[in-house]
Protein backbone atom coordinates (compact mmCIF):
# COMPACT_ATOMS: atom_id res chain seq x y z
CA LEU A 1 35.77 119.67 34.89
CA ARG A 2 38.72 117.38 34.23
CA LYS A 3 40.63 119.04 37.08
CA LEU A 4 37.69 118.46 39.44
CA LEU A 5 37.72 114.77 38.48
CA GLU A 6 41.47 114.63 39.15
CA PHE A 7 40.84 116.21 42.58
CA LYS A 8 38.22 113.54 43.30
CA GLY A 9 40.81 110.90 42.36
CA ARG A 10 43.30 112.35 44.87
CA HIS A 11 40.65 112.18 47.64
CA PRO A 12 38.82 108.89 46.95
CA GLY A 13 37.27 108.60 50.43
CA LEU A 14 35.10 111.69 50.02
CA HIS A 15 31.68 112.01 48.39
CA TYR A 16 30.70 115.19 46.57
CA LEU A 17 27.87 117.22 45.09
CA PRO A 18 28.75 119.33 42.03
CA ALA A 19 27.91 123.04 42.29
CA ILE A 20 28.56 126.34 40.53
CA VAL A 21 29.24 129.78 41.98
CA VAL A 22 26.33 132.08 41.17
CA GLY A 23 27.17 135.13 43.29
CA ARG A 24 29.69 136.85 45.54
CA ASP A 25 29.03 139.08 48.52
CA LEU A 26 32.13 140.84 49.84
CA THR A 27 31.61 143.47 52.51
CA PRO A 28 33.73 144.94 55.32
CA TYR A 29 32.05 142.41 57.63
CA TYR A 30 32.05 139.12 55.74
CA ARG A 31 33.08 137.28 52.59
CA VAL A 32 30.52 134.84 51.18
CA GLN A 33 29.93 133.15 47.85
CA ARG A 34 26.54 131.76 46.84
CA ILE A 35 26.56 128.43 45.07
CA MET A 36 23.88 126.41 43.29
CA VAL A 37 24.01 122.64 43.67
CA LYS A 38 23.67 120.95 40.27
CA THR A 39 21.72 117.88 41.39
CA GLU A 40 18.12 117.61 42.45
CA GLN A 41 18.59 114.41 44.48
CA GLU A 42 20.63 116.02 47.29
CA GLU A 43 21.04 119.44 48.83
CA ALA A 44 23.95 121.17 50.53
CA LEU A 45 23.61 121.43 54.30
CA THR A 46 25.12 123.78 56.88
CA ASP A 47 28.78 122.99 57.72
CA MET A 48 29.40 121.01 54.54
CA VAL A 49 32.86 121.73 53.12
CA VAL A 50 33.31 123.34 49.68
CA VAL A 51 36.40 122.68 47.55
CA THR A 52 37.75 123.39 44.08
CA ASP A 53 40.18 121.35 42.02
CA VAL A 54 43.15 122.89 43.88
CA GLY A 55 41.93 122.93 47.46
CA LEU A 56 39.65 124.30 50.14
CA LEU A 57 37.32 127.25 49.45
CA GLY A 58 35.23 127.36 52.65
CA ARG A 59 32.15 125.87 54.31
CA VAL A 60 28.40 126.21 53.94
CA VAL A 61 26.93 128.59 56.52
CA LYS A 62 23.38 128.78 55.16
CA ALA A 63 21.48 126.48 52.81
CA SER A 64 18.06 126.65 51.22
CA GLY A 65 16.97 124.24 48.52
CA ARG A 66 19.54 124.10 45.75
CA PHE A 67 21.33 127.26 46.93
CA ALA A 68 23.90 127.67 49.68
CA ASP A 69 26.06 130.47 51.08
CA VAL A 70 29.72 129.57 51.54
CA MET A 71 31.84 131.40 54.12
CA LEU A 72 35.26 131.84 52.52
CA LEU A 73 38.49 131.12 54.38
CA SER A 74 39.30 134.84 54.29
CA ASP A 75 36.13 135.77 56.20
CA SER A 76 37.02 137.27 59.59
CA ARG A 77 34.76 134.66 61.27
CA SER A 78 36.54 131.73 59.62
CA ARG A 79 38.78 129.38 61.65
CA VAL A 80 40.27 126.11 60.36
CA ALA A 81 42.56 123.60 62.11
CA CYS A 82 45.56 123.08 59.81
CA GLU A 83 49.08 121.67 59.79
CA ALA A 84 52.30 122.11 57.85
CA LEU A 85 52.41 119.29 55.30
CA GLY A 86 55.07 116.75 56.17
CA ARG A 87 56.14 118.67 59.27
CA GLY A 88 53.27 117.86 61.65
CA ILE A 89 53.19 121.41 63.03
CA PRO A 90 49.57 122.21 64.01
CA GLY A 91 48.00 125.64 63.89
CA ILE A 92 44.85 127.63 63.28
CA LEU A 93 44.07 129.39 60.01
CA ALA A 94 42.14 132.64 60.56
CA GLY A 95 40.60 134.91 57.94
CA THR A 96 41.54 138.59 58.08
CA GLY A 97 38.34 139.97 56.53
CA GLN A 98 40.34 142.53 54.54
CA ILE A 99 38.36 144.07 51.71
CA GLU A 100 41.17 144.46 49.19
CA THR A 101 42.55 140.90 49.49
CA TYR A 102 41.52 137.37 50.37
CA GLY A 103 43.85 137.46 53.37
CA VAL A 104 44.48 134.73 55.92
CA HIS A 105 46.97 134.19 58.74
CA TRP A 106 48.18 130.92 60.19
CA GLN A 107 48.97 130.86 63.90
CA VAL A 108 51.29 128.28 65.48
CA SER A 109 52.85 127.88 68.91
CA THR A 110 55.92 129.96 69.74
CA THR A 111 57.71 126.68 70.56
CA ASP A 112 57.44 125.33 67.00
CA PRO A 113 60.47 125.66 64.70
CA PRO A 114 60.40 128.48 62.10
CA LEU A 115 58.96 127.60 58.69
CA GLU A 116 60.11 128.67 55.23
CA ASP A 117 58.40 130.39 52.32
CA GLY A 118 56.43 127.95 50.21
CA THR A 119 55.59 125.54 53.06
CA THR A 120 52.27 123.90 52.15
CA ILE A 121 49.49 124.14 54.73
CA VAL A 122 46.70 121.52 54.73
CA THR A 123 43.67 120.82 56.88
CA SER A 124 44.43 118.63 59.90
CA GLY A 125 40.89 117.35 60.53
CA HIS A 126 41.17 118.21 64.24
CA ASP A 127 38.22 120.64 64.10
CA ARG A 128 35.90 117.81 62.93
CA VAL A 129 34.47 120.10 60.23
CA PHE A 130 37.13 119.97 57.52
CA PRO A 131 38.49 116.62 56.27
CA ARG A 132 42.21 115.97 56.75
CA GLY A 133 44.62 116.71 53.92
CA LEU A 134 42.82 119.41 51.89
CA GLU A 135 45.28 121.96 50.56
CA VAL A 136 44.73 125.42 52.05
CA GLY A 137 47.69 127.56 51.01
CA TYR A 138 51.38 128.37 51.20
CA ILE A 139 53.48 130.45 53.57
CA VAL A 140 54.67 133.73 52.07
CA ASN A 141 57.06 136.26 53.60
CA ALA A 142 58.14 133.81 56.32
CA SER A 143 60.88 136.22 57.41
CA GLN A 144 58.14 138.71 58.36
CA ARG A 145 56.37 136.31 60.76
CA ARG A 146 55.35 138.02 63.97
CA GLN A 147 54.47 137.12 67.51
CA VAL A 148 50.84 137.70 68.46
CA GLY A 149 50.28 136.80 72.11
CA ALA A 150 51.24 133.16 72.61
CA PHE A 151 51.40 132.50 68.84
CA ILE A 152 53.65 133.05 65.86
CA GLU A 153 51.61 134.31 62.91
CA TYR A 154 52.48 133.60 59.27
CA GLU A 155 50.92 135.16 56.19
CA LEU A 156 49.48 132.64 53.72
CA ALA A 157 48.67 132.78 50.03
CA LEU A 158 45.50 130.73 49.53
CA ALA A 159 45.66 127.74 47.18
CA VAL A 160 42.23 128.76 45.83
CA ASN A 161 41.62 132.27 44.52
CA PRO A 162 37.92 132.72 45.42
CA SER A 163 37.40 135.35 42.72
CA GLN A 164 38.26 132.76 40.06
CA ALA A 165 36.24 129.84 41.45
CA SER A 166 33.29 128.90 39.26
CA GLN A 167 32.94 125.10 39.47
CA VAL A 168 33.08 123.69 43.01
CA LEU A 169 32.39 120.46 44.88
CA VAL A 170 30.44 120.19 48.15
CA VAL A 171 31.78 117.42 50.42
CA THR A 172 28.75 115.52 51.73
CA ASP A 173 30.50 113.28 54.29
CA PRO A 174 31.11 114.54 57.81
CA PRO A 175 34.76 114.05 58.88
CA ASP A 176 33.67 111.42 61.45
CA ALA A 177 32.35 109.20 58.64
CA GLN A 178 35.62 109.57 56.69
CA GLU A 179 37.72 108.17 59.57
CA ARG A 180 35.84 104.85 59.69
């Protein structure tokens, strides 16, 4: 809980609901975690962002009362606008949907300079769903990047291991409200 409070201190402009993970549903088609919001005054709503003390976990895709289903970043349907921290290189994070891992790829333009292992990737806020500056992951095996159509694709290690997440925060502010 102390780490969640430290996270809140690093992102003072956001408002949160505390929640706990109560179930996981991992299939060949999707990766979802069910959470239970710990307060009775507010409820999680569709498209609210879910974070842990180290970074982004996913977003709410279905909510009912105090329970909500969170689509993880590794879900094959997941897309997040991101950027390389301190480099300003934009790209799209896409879940792979692989069963054996929580895999994601980050796609950037072929005109962008190559990046190194360990480069931190954060949300850019350009998709108007995820607030700017939430840590997403780190580039691994940069030398094995590959061209996929008009993009260069990097493999990322997620900042948050979804299988170890138990205490989470649901961001209640839409990104538009955070920019004001």
